[in-house]
Amino acid sequence: MNIETIECIAGAIIGVIVLVTIVNILTLPIQILFKLVVNALIGAAMLYAINWTGLMTLKITLINSLVAGIFGIPGVIGIVIYNYFLK
């Protein structure tokens, strides 16, 4: 094996490592965005369940859905308290 072949193989290995690193860096924001969308849908479902029971009428907005989805049940309780006492 001559030096040119070794340089070619080393260059290909480094190129693959750089490509894999770039793909991993770019997919991380997509995973975070996907998780945020799923949490917002779950939050909207929780708010809809409260509206369906007739206990209270809550607006299902993007902010309310995100708060309920990210914080879960404590977030829903916070939204209910906010709407009941502060509005």
PDB file of N, CA and C in Angstrom:
ATOM      1  N   MET A   1       0.848  -1.177   0.000  1.00  0.00           N
ATOM      2  CA  MET A   1       0.000   0.000   0.000  1.00  0.00           C
ATOM      3  C   MET A   1       0.893   1.240   0.000  1.00  0.00           C
ATOM      4  N   ASN A   2       0.588   2.142  -0.904  1.00  0.00           N
ATOM      5  CA  ASN A   2       1.381   3.362  -0.935  1.00  0.00           C
ATOM      6  C   ASN A   2       0.701   4.464  -0.120  1.00  0.00           C
ATOM      7  N   ILE A   3       1.356   5.593   0.003  1.00  0.00           N
ATOM      8  CA  ILE A   3       0.907   6.694   0.853  1.00  0.00           C
ATOM      9  C   ILE A   3      -0.391   7.322   0.338  1.00  0.00           C
ATOM     10  N   GLU A   4      -0.581   7.334  -0.988  1.00  0.00           N
ATOM     11  CA  GLU A   4      -1.794   7.921  -1.556  1.00  0.00           C
ATOM     12  C   GLU A   4      -3.034   7.100  -1.183  1.00  0.00           C
ATOM     13  N   THR A   5      -2.920   5.802  -1.150  1.00  0.00           N
ATOM     14  CA  THR A   5      -4.032   4.946  -0.759  1.00  0.00           C
ATOM     15  C   THR A   5      -4.373   5.155   0.716  1.00  0.00           C
ATOM     16  N   ILE A   6      -3.368   5.258   1.551  1.00  0.00           N
ATOM     17  CA  ILE A   6      -3.590   5.488   2.985  1.00  0.00           C
ATOM     18  C   ILE A   6      -4.254   6.847   3.207  1.00  0.00           C
ATOM     19  N   GLU A   7      -3.801   7.868   2.483  1.00  0.00           N
ATOM     20  CA  GLU A   7      -4.413   9.196   2.596  1.00  0.00           C
ATOM     21  C   GLU A   7      -5.871   9.164   2.140  1.00  0.00           C
ATOM     22  N   CYS A   8      -6.152   8.419   1.097  1.00  0.00           N
ATOM     23  CA  CYS A   8      -7.521   8.314   0.580  1.00  0.00           C
ATOM     24  C   CYS A   8      -8.428   7.628   1.600  1.00  0.00           C
ATOM     25  N   ILE A   9      -7.967   6.549   2.192  1.00  0.00           N
ATOM     26  CA  ILE A   9      -8.753   5.831   3.200  1.00  0.00           C
ATOM     27  C   ILE A   9      -8.956   6.704   4.437  1.00  0.00           C
ATOM     28  N   ALA A  10      -7.913   7.377   4.888  1.00  0.00           N
ATOM     29  CA  ALA A  10      -8.017   8.257   6.061  1.00  0.00           C
ATOM     30  C   ALA A  10      -8.985   9.401   5.788  1.00  0.00           C
ATOM     31  N   GLY A  11      -8.925   9.956   4.592  1.00  0.00           N
ATOM     32  CA  GLY A  11      -9.847  11.032   4.218  1.00  0.00           C
ATOM     33  C   GLY A  11     -11.290  10.574   4.198  1.00  0.00           C
ATOM     34  N   ALA A  12     -11.523   9.368   3.712  1.00  0.00           N
ATOM     35  CA  ALA A  12     -12.882   8.820   3.672  1.00  0.00           C
ATOM     36  C   ALA A  12     -13.404   8.575   5.087  1.00  0.00           C
ATOM     37  N   ILE A  13     -12.563   8.051   5.961  1.00  0.00           N
ATOM     38  CA  ILE A  13     -12.973   7.807   7.349  1.00  0.00           C
ATOM     39  C   ILE A  13     -13.294   9.119   8.055  1.00  0.00           C
ATOM     40  N   ILE A  14     -12.449  10.117   7.882  1.00  0.00           N
ATOM     41  CA  ILE A  14     -12.697  11.427   8.491  1.00  0.00           C
ATOM     42  C   ILE A  14     -13.967  12.053   7.918  1.00  0.00           C
ATOM     43  N   GLY A  15     -14.187  11.903   6.630  1.00  0.00           N
ATOM     44  CA  GLY A  15     -15.395  12.434   6.005  1.00  0.00           C
ATOM     45  C   GLY A  15     -16.657  11.794   6.558  1.00  0.00           C
ATOM     46  N   VAL A  16     -16.627  10.483   6.763  1.00  0.00           N
ATOM     47  CA  VAL A  16     -17.785   9.782   7.326  1.00  0.00           C
ATOM     48  C   VAL A  16     -18.027  10.243   8.762  1.00  0.00           C
ATOM     49  N   ILE A  17     -16.976  10.408   9.545  1.00  0.00           N
ATOM     50  CA  ILE A  17     -17.125  10.868  10.926  1.00  0.00           C
ATOM     51  C   ILE A  17     -17.723  12.269  10.969  1.00  0.00           C
ATOM     52  N   VAL A  18     -17.248  13.162  10.103  1.00  0.00           N
ATOM     53  CA  VAL A  18     -17.787  14.523  10.047  1.00  0.00           C
ATOM     54  C   VAL A  18     -19.249  14.504   9.612  1.00  0.00           C
ATOM     55  N   LEU A  19     -19.590  13.681   8.624  1.00  0.00           N
ATOM     56  CA  LEU A  19     -20.970  13.588   8.136  1.00  0.00           C
ATOM     57  C   LEU A  19     -21.909  13.067   9.231  1.00  0.00           C
ATOM     58  N   VAL A  20     -21.500  12.042   9.947  1.00  0.00           N
ATOM     59  CA  VAL A  20     -22.325  11.497  11.029  1.00  0.00           C
ATOM     60  C   VAL A  20     -22.514  12.535  12.128  1.00  0.00           C
ATOM     61  N   THR A  21     -21.468  13.274  12.458  1.00  0.00           N
ATOM     62  CA  THR A  21     -21.570  14.319  13.483  1.00  0.00           C
ATOM     63  C   THR A  21     -22.531  15.415  13.062  1.00  0.00           C
ATOM     64  N   ILE A  22     -22.470  15.844  11.839  1.00  0.00           N
ATOM     65  CA  ILE A  22     -23.367  16.894  11.338  1.00  0.00           C
ATOM     66  C   ILE A  22     -24.814  16.412  11.346  1.00  0.00           C
ATOM     67  N   VAL A  23     -25.050  15.180  10.926  1.00  0.00           N
ATOM     68  CA  VAL A  23     -26.416  14.645  10.924  1.00  0.00           C
ATOM     69  C   VAL A  23     -26.958  14.575  12.350  1.00  0.00           C
ATOM     70  N   ASN A  24     -26.140  14.141  13.301  1.00  0.00           N
ATOM     71  CA  ASN A  24     -26.583  14.083  14.694  1.00  0.00           C
ATOM     72  C   ASN A  24     -26.899  15.467  15.242  1.00  0.00           C
ATOM     73  N   ILE A  25     -26.116  16.455  14.903  1.00  0.00           N
ATOM     74  CA  ILE A  25     -26.360  17.816  15.372  1.00  0.00           C
ATOM     75  C   ILE A  25     -27.651  18.379  14.772  1.00  0.00           C
ATOM     76  N   LEU A  26     -27.939  18.065  13.520  1.00  0.00           N
ATOM     77  CA  LEU A  26     -29.139  18.593  12.871  1.00  0.00           C
ATOM     78  C   LEU A  26     -30.408  17.871  13.286  1.00  0.00           C
ATOM     79  N   THR A  27     -30.324  16.598  13.668  1.00  0.00           N
ATOM     80  CA  THR A  27     -31.532  15.877  14.061  1.00  0.00           C
ATOM     81  C   THR A  27     -31.961  16.187  15.482  1.00  0.00           C
ATOM     82  N   LEU A  28     -31.076  16.688  16.323  1.00  0.00           N
ATOM     83  CA  LEU A  28     -31.437  17.002  17.705  1.00  0.00           C
ATOM     84  C   LEU A  28     -32.539  18.044  17.792  1.00  0.00           C
ATOM     85  N   PRO A  29     -32.478  19.185  17.079  1.00  0.00           N
ATOM     86  CA  PRO A  29     -33.588  20.146  17.152  1.00  0.00           C
ATOM     87  C   PRO A  29     -34.905  19.571  16.632  1.00  0.00           C
ATOM     88  N   ILE A  30     -34.845  18.684  15.657  1.00  0.00           N
ATOM     89  CA  ILE A  30     -36.066  18.081  15.122  1.00  0.00           C
ATOM     90  C   ILE A  30     -36.699  17.186  16.188  1.00  0.00           C
ATOM     91  N   GLN A  31     -35.886  16.447  16.943  1.00  0.00           N
ATOM     92  CA  GLN A  31     -36.412  15.604  18.006  1.00  0.00           C
ATOM     93  C   GLN A  31     -37.044  16.452  19.107  1.00  0.00           C
ATOM     94  N   ILE A  32     -36.412  17.552  19.449  1.00  0.00           N
ATOM     95  CA  ILE A  32     -36.961  18.442  20.475  1.00  0.00           C
ATOM     96  C   ILE A  32     -38.268  19.053  19.993  1.00  0.00           C
ATOM     97  N   LEU A  33     -38.317  19.489  18.746  1.00  0.00           N
ATOM     98  CA  LEU A  33     -39.539  20.066  18.192  1.00  0.00           C
ATOM     99  C   LEU A  33     -40.662  19.024  18.157  1.00  0.00           C
ATOM    100  N   PHE A  34     -40.350  17.799  17.787  1.00  0.00           N
ATOM    101  CA  PHE A  34     -41.348  16.736  17.755  1.00  0.00           C
ATOM    102  C   PHE A  34     -41.898  16.470  19.150  1.00  0.00           C
ATOM    103  N   LYS A  35     -41.021  16.429  20.152  1.00  0.00           N
ATOM    104  CA  LYS A  35     -41.461  16.210  21.526  1.00  0.00           C
ATOM    105  C   LYS A  35     -42.337  17.355  22.002  1.00  0.00           C
ATOM    106  N   LEU A  36     -42.008  18.580  21.624  1.00  0.00           N
ATOM    107  CA  LEU A  36     -42.805  19.741  22.004  1.00  0.00           C
ATOM    108  C   LEU A  36     -44.195  19.676  21.375  1.00  0.00           C
ATOM    109  N   VAL A  37     -44.288  19.265  20.121  1.00  0.00           N
ATOM    110  CA  VAL A  37     -45.584  19.145  19.443  1.00  0.00           C
ATOM    111  C   VAL A  37     -46.427  18.050  20.094  1.00  0.00           C
ATOM    112  N   VAL A  38     -45.804  16.911  20.406  1.00  0.00           N
ATOM    113  CA  VAL A  38     -46.538  15.820  21.057  1.00  0.00           C
ATOM    114  C   VAL A  38     -47.045  16.267  22.424  1.00  0.00           C
ATOM    115  N   ASN A  39     -46.197  16.973  23.192  1.00  0.00           N
ATOM    116  CA  ASN A  39     -46.620  17.461  24.503  1.00  0.00           C
ATOM    117  C   ASN A  39     -47.756  18.469  24.382  1.00  0.00           C
ATOM    118  N   ALA A  40     -47.722  19.311  23.362  1.00  0.00           N
ATOM    119  CA  ALA A  40     -48.802  20.276  23.164  1.00  0.00           C
ATOM    120  C   ALA A  40     -50.113  19.562  22.836  1.00  0.00           C
ATOM    121  N   LEU A  41     -50.054  18.502  22.049  1.00  0.00           N
ATOM    122  CA  LEU A  41     -51.267  17.737  21.737  1.00  0.00           C
ATOM    123  C   LEU A  41     -51.824  17.050  22.981  1.00  0.00           C
ATOM    124  N   ILE A  42     -50.954  16.526  23.813  1.00  0.00           N
ATOM    125  CA  ILE A  42     -51.401  15.902  25.060  1.00  0.00           C
ATOM    126  C   ILE A  42     -52.016  16.957  25.975  1.00  0.00           C
ATOM    127  N   GLY A  43     -51.407  18.133  26.043  1.00  0.00           N
ATOM    128  CA  GLY A  43     -51.957  19.218  26.849  1.00  0.00           C
ATOM    129  C   GLY A  43     -53.314  19.668  26.349  1.00  0.00           C
ATOM    130  N   ALA A  44     -53.464  19.750  25.035  1.00  0.00           N
ATOM    131  CA  ALA A  44     -54.765  20.124  24.470  1.00  0.00           C
ATOM    132  C   ALA A  44     -55.814  19.069  24.793  1.00  0.00           C
ATOM    133  N   ALA A  45     -55.421  17.807  24.793  1.00  0.00           N
ATOM    134  CA  ALA A  45     -56.357  16.735  25.146  1.00  0.00           C
ATOM    135  C   ALA A  45     -56.788  16.848  26.606  1.00  0.00           C
ATOM    136  N   MET A  46     -55.855  17.193  27.495  1.00  0.00           N
ATOM    137  CA  MET A  46     -56.214  17.367  28.903  1.00  0.00           C
ATOM    138  C   MET A  46     -57.168  18.542  29.082  1.00  0.00           C
ATOM    139  N   LEU A  47     -56.909  19.640  28.386  1.00  0.00           N
ATOM    140  CA  LEU A  47     -57.796  20.799  28.477  1.00  0.00           C
ATOM    141  C   LEU A  47     -59.172  20.469  27.890  1.00  0.00           C
ATOM    142  N   TYR A  48     -59.181  19.710  26.810  1.00  0.00           N
ATOM    143  CA  TYR A  48     -60.455  19.293  26.214  1.00  0.00           C
ATOM    144  C   TYR A  48     -61.236  18.422  27.185  1.00  0.00           C
ATOM    145  N   ALA A  49     -60.543  17.553  27.917  1.00  0.00           N
ATOM    146  CA  ALA A  49     -61.206  16.681  28.893  1.00  0.00           C
ATOM    147  C   ALA A  49     -61.850  17.514  29.998  1.00  0.00           C
ATOM    148  N   ILE A  50     -61.186  18.573  30.417  1.00  0.00           N
ATOM    149  CA  ILE A  50     -61.771  19.456  31.438  1.00  0.00           C
ATOM    150  C   ILE A  50     -63.002  20.153  30.870  1.00  0.00           C
ATOM    151  N   ASN A  51     -62.912  20.615  29.632  1.00  0.00           N
ATOM    152  CA  ASN A  51     -64.064  21.262  29.000  1.00  0.00           C
ATOM    153  C   ASN A  51     -65.212  20.268  28.823  1.00  0.00           C
ATOM    154  N   TRP A  52     -64.911  19.030  28.503  1.00  0.00           N
ATOM    155  CA  TRP A  52     -65.921  18.006  28.250  1.00  0.00           C
ATOM    156  C   TRP A  52     -66.691  17.644  29.517  1.00  0.00           C
ATOM    157  N   THR A  53     -65.992  17.656  30.665  1.00  0.00           N
ATOM    158  CA  THR A  53     -66.666  17.315  31.910  1.00  0.00           C
ATOM    159  C   THR A  53     -67.636  18.403  32.339  1.00  0.00           C
ATOM    160  N   GLY A  54     -67.483  19.597  31.845  1.00  0.00           N
ATOM    161  CA  GLY A  54     -68.385  20.688  32.179  1.00  0.00           C
ATOM    162  C   GLY A  54     -68.024  21.410  33.458  1.00  0.00           C
ATOM    163  N   LEU A  55     -66.910  21.048  34.059  1.00  0.00           N
ATOM    164  CA  LEU A  55     -66.495  21.717  35.289  1.00  0.00           C
ATOM    165  C   LEU A  55     -66.113  23.167  35.040  1.00  0.00           C
ATOM    166  N   MET A  56     -65.529  23.416  33.915  1.00  0.00           N
ATOM    167  CA  MET A  56     -65.011  24.746  33.612  1.00  0.00           C
ATOM    168  C   MET A  56     -64.818  24.856  32.113  1.00  0.00           C
ATOM    169  N   THR A  57     -64.907  26.059  31.605  1.00  0.00           N
ATOM    170  CA  THR A  57     -64.659  26.288  30.188  1.00  0.00           C
ATOM    171  C   THR A  57     -63.292  26.953  30.042  1.00  0.00           C
ATOM    172  N   LEU A  58     -62.385  26.242  29.420  1.00  0.00           N
ATOM    173  CA  LEU A  58     -61.036  26.754  29.204  1.00  0.00           C
ATOM    174  C   LEU A  58     -60.799  26.917  27.708  1.00  0.00           C
ATOM    175  N   LYS A  59     -60.123  27.990  27.350  1.00  0.00           N
ATOM    176  CA  LYS A  59     -59.740  28.150  25.949  1.00  0.00           C
ATOM    177  C   LYS A  59     -58.547  27.241  25.668  1.00  0.00           C
ATOM    178  N   ILE A  60     -58.634  26.550  24.565  1.00  0.00           N
ATOM    179  CA  ILE A  60     -57.524  25.682  24.162  1.00  0.00           C
ATOM    180  C   ILE A  60     -56.679  26.471  23.171  1.00  0.00           C
ATOM    181  N   THR A  61     -55.667  27.148  23.709  1.00  0.00           N
ATOM    182  CA  THR A  61     -54.747  27.920  22.891  1.00  0.00           C
ATOM    183  C   THR A  61     -53.402  27.202  22.838  1.00  0.00           C
ATOM    184  N   LEU A  62     -52.527  27.696  21.999  1.00  0.00           N
ATOM    185  CA  LEU A  62     -51.206  27.091  21.888  1.00  0.00           C
ATOM    186  C   LEU A  62     -50.448  27.211  23.203  1.00  0.00           C
ATOM    187  N   ILE A  63     -50.522  28.369  23.843  1.00  0.00           N
ATOM    188  CA  ILE A  63     -49.809  28.575  25.101  1.00  0.00           C
ATOM    189  C   ILE A  63     -50.360  27.654  26.187  1.00  0.00           C
ATOM    190  N   ASN A  64     -51.690  27.592  26.325  1.00  0.00           N
ATOM    191  CA  ASN A  64     -52.287  26.712  27.329  1.00  0.00           C
ATOM    192  C   ASN A  64     -51.934  25.251  27.054  1.00  0.00           C
ATOM    193  N   SER A  65     -51.941  24.858  25.796  1.00  0.00           N
ATOM    194  CA  SER A  65     -51.609  23.478  25.443  1.00  0.00           C
ATOM    195  C   SER A  65     -50.158  23.155  25.774  1.00  0.00           C
ATOM    196  N   LEU A  66     -49.255  24.088  25.484  1.00  0.00           N
ATOM    197  CA  LEU A  66     -47.845  23.864  25.792  1.00  0.00           C
ATOM    198  C   LEU A  66     -47.609  23.798  27.291  1.00  0.00           C
ATOM    199  N   VAL A  67     -48.242  24.696  28.048  1.00  0.00           N
ATOM    200  CA  VAL A  67     -48.084  24.674  29.505  1.00  0.00           C
ATOM    201  C   VAL A  67     -48.608  23.355  30.063  1.00  0.00           C
ATOM    202  N   ALA A  68     -49.781  22.943  29.614  1.00  0.00           N
ATOM    203  CA  ALA A  68     -50.358  21.687  30.096  1.00  0.00           C
ATOM    204  C   ALA A  68     -49.527  20.489  29.637  1.00  0.00           C
ATOM    205  N   GLY A  69     -49.002  20.525  28.441  1.00  0.00           N
ATOM    206  CA  GLY A  69     -48.215  19.404  27.933  1.00  0.00           C
ATOM    207  C   GLY A  69     -46.852  19.294  28.570  1.00  0.00           C
ATOM    208  N   ILE A  70     -46.197  20.423  28.797  1.00  0.00           N
ATOM    209  CA  ILE A  70     -44.851  20.390  29.365  1.00  0.00           C
ATOM    210  C   ILE A  70     -44.893  20.100  30.863  1.00  0.00           C
ATOM    211  N   PHE A  71     -45.802  20.747  31.576  1.00  0.00           N
ATOM    212  CA  PHE A  71     -45.844  20.596  33.028  1.00  0.00           C
ATOM    213  C   PHE A  71     -46.807  19.509  33.497  1.00  0.00           C
ATOM    214  N   GLY A  72     -47.612  18.976  32.596  1.00  0.00           N
ATOM    215  CA  GLY A  72     -48.512  17.888  32.946  1.00  0.00           C
ATOM    216  C   GLY A  72     -49.674  18.349  33.810  1.00  0.00           C
ATOM    217  N   ILE A  73     -50.034  17.523  34.777  1.00  0.00           N
ATOM    218  CA  ILE A  73     -51.177  17.819  35.641  1.00  0.00           C
ATOM    219  C   ILE A  73     -50.969  19.099  36.451  1.00  0.00           C
ATOM    220  N   PRO A  74     -49.767  19.363  37.002  1.00  0.00           N
ATOM    221  CA  PRO A  74     -49.592  20.651  37.691  1.00  0.00           C
ATOM    222  C   PRO A  74     -49.809  21.855  36.762  1.00  0.00           C
ATOM    223  N   GLY A  75     -49.449  21.718  35.502  1.00  0.00           N
ATOM    224  CA  GLY A  75     -49.693  22.791  34.539  1.00  0.00           C
ATOM    225  C   GLY A  75     -51.173  23.011  34.305  1.00  0.00           C
ATOM    226  N   VAL A  76     -51.925  21.923  34.210  1.00  0.00           N
ATOM    227  CA  VAL A  76     -53.383  22.031  34.030  1.00  0.00           C
ATOM    228  C   VAL A  76     -54.005  22.677  35.261  1.00  0.00           C
ATOM    229  N   ILE A  77     -53.562  22.267  36.446  1.00  0.00           N
ATOM    230  CA  ILE A  77     -54.072  22.866  37.678  1.00  0.00           C
ATOM    231  C   ILE A  77     -53.746  24.354  37.712  1.00  0.00           C
ATOM    232  N   GLY A  78     -52.553  24.715  37.278  1.00  0.00           N
ATOM    233  CA  GLY A  78     -52.181  26.121  37.218  1.00  0.00           C
ATOM    234  C   GLY A  78     -53.059  26.915  36.259  1.00  0.00           C
ATOM    235  N   ILE A  79     -53.371  26.343  35.127  1.00  0.00           N
ATOM    236  CA  ILE A  79     -54.243  27.017  34.159  1.00  0.00           C
ATOM    237  C   ILE A  79     -55.653  27.174  34.724  1.00  0.00           C
ATOM    238  N   VAL A  80     -56.145  26.127  35.390  1.00  0.00           N
ATOM    239  CA  VAL A  80     -57.480  26.202  35.999  1.00  0.00           C
ATOM    240  C   VAL A  80     -57.505  27.274  37.075  1.00  0.00           C
ATOM    241  N   ILE A  81     -56.500  27.309  37.939  1.00  0.00           N
ATOM    242  CA  ILE A  81     -56.444  28.334  38.980  1.00  0.00           C
ATOM    243  C   ILE A  81     -56.361  29.726  38.377  1.00  0.00           C
ATOM    244  N   TYR A  82     -55.544  29.870  37.363  1.00  0.00           N
ATOM    245  CA  TYR A  82     -55.424  31.173  36.699  1.00  0.00           C
ATOM    246  C   TYR A  82     -56.756  31.621  36.123  1.00  0.00           C
ATOM    247  N   ASN A  83     -57.441  30.732  35.433  1.00  0.00           N
ATOM    248  CA  ASN A  83     -58.720  31.106  34.809  1.00  0.00           C
ATOM    249  C   ASN A  83     -59.838  31.307  35.826  1.00  0.00           C
ATOM    250  N   TYR A  84     -59.768  30.569  36.929  1.00  0.00           N
ATOM    251  CA  TYR A  84     -60.845  30.670  37.919  1.00  0.00           C
ATOM    252  C   TYR A  84     -60.681  31.906  38.806  1.00  0.00           C
ATOM    253  N   PHE A  85     -59.471  32.178  39.256  1.00  0.00           N
ATOM    254  CA  PHE A  85     -59.266  33.247  40.208  1.00  0.00           C
ATOM    255  C   PHE A  85     -58.814  34.568  39.610  1.00  0.00           C
ATOM    256  N   LEU A  86     -58.046  34.522  38.557  1.00  0.00           N
ATOM    257  CA  LEU A  86     -57.440  35.748  38.046  1.00  0.00           C
ATOM    258  C   LEU A  86     -58.159  36.342  36.841  1.00  0.00           C
ATOM    259  N   LYS A  87     -59.105  35.644  36.279  1.00  0.00           N
ATOM    260  CA  LYS A  87     -59.820  36.193  35.131  1.00  0.00           C
ATOM    261  C   LYS A  87     -61.218  36.570  35.507  1.00  0.00           C
TER     262      LYS A  87
END
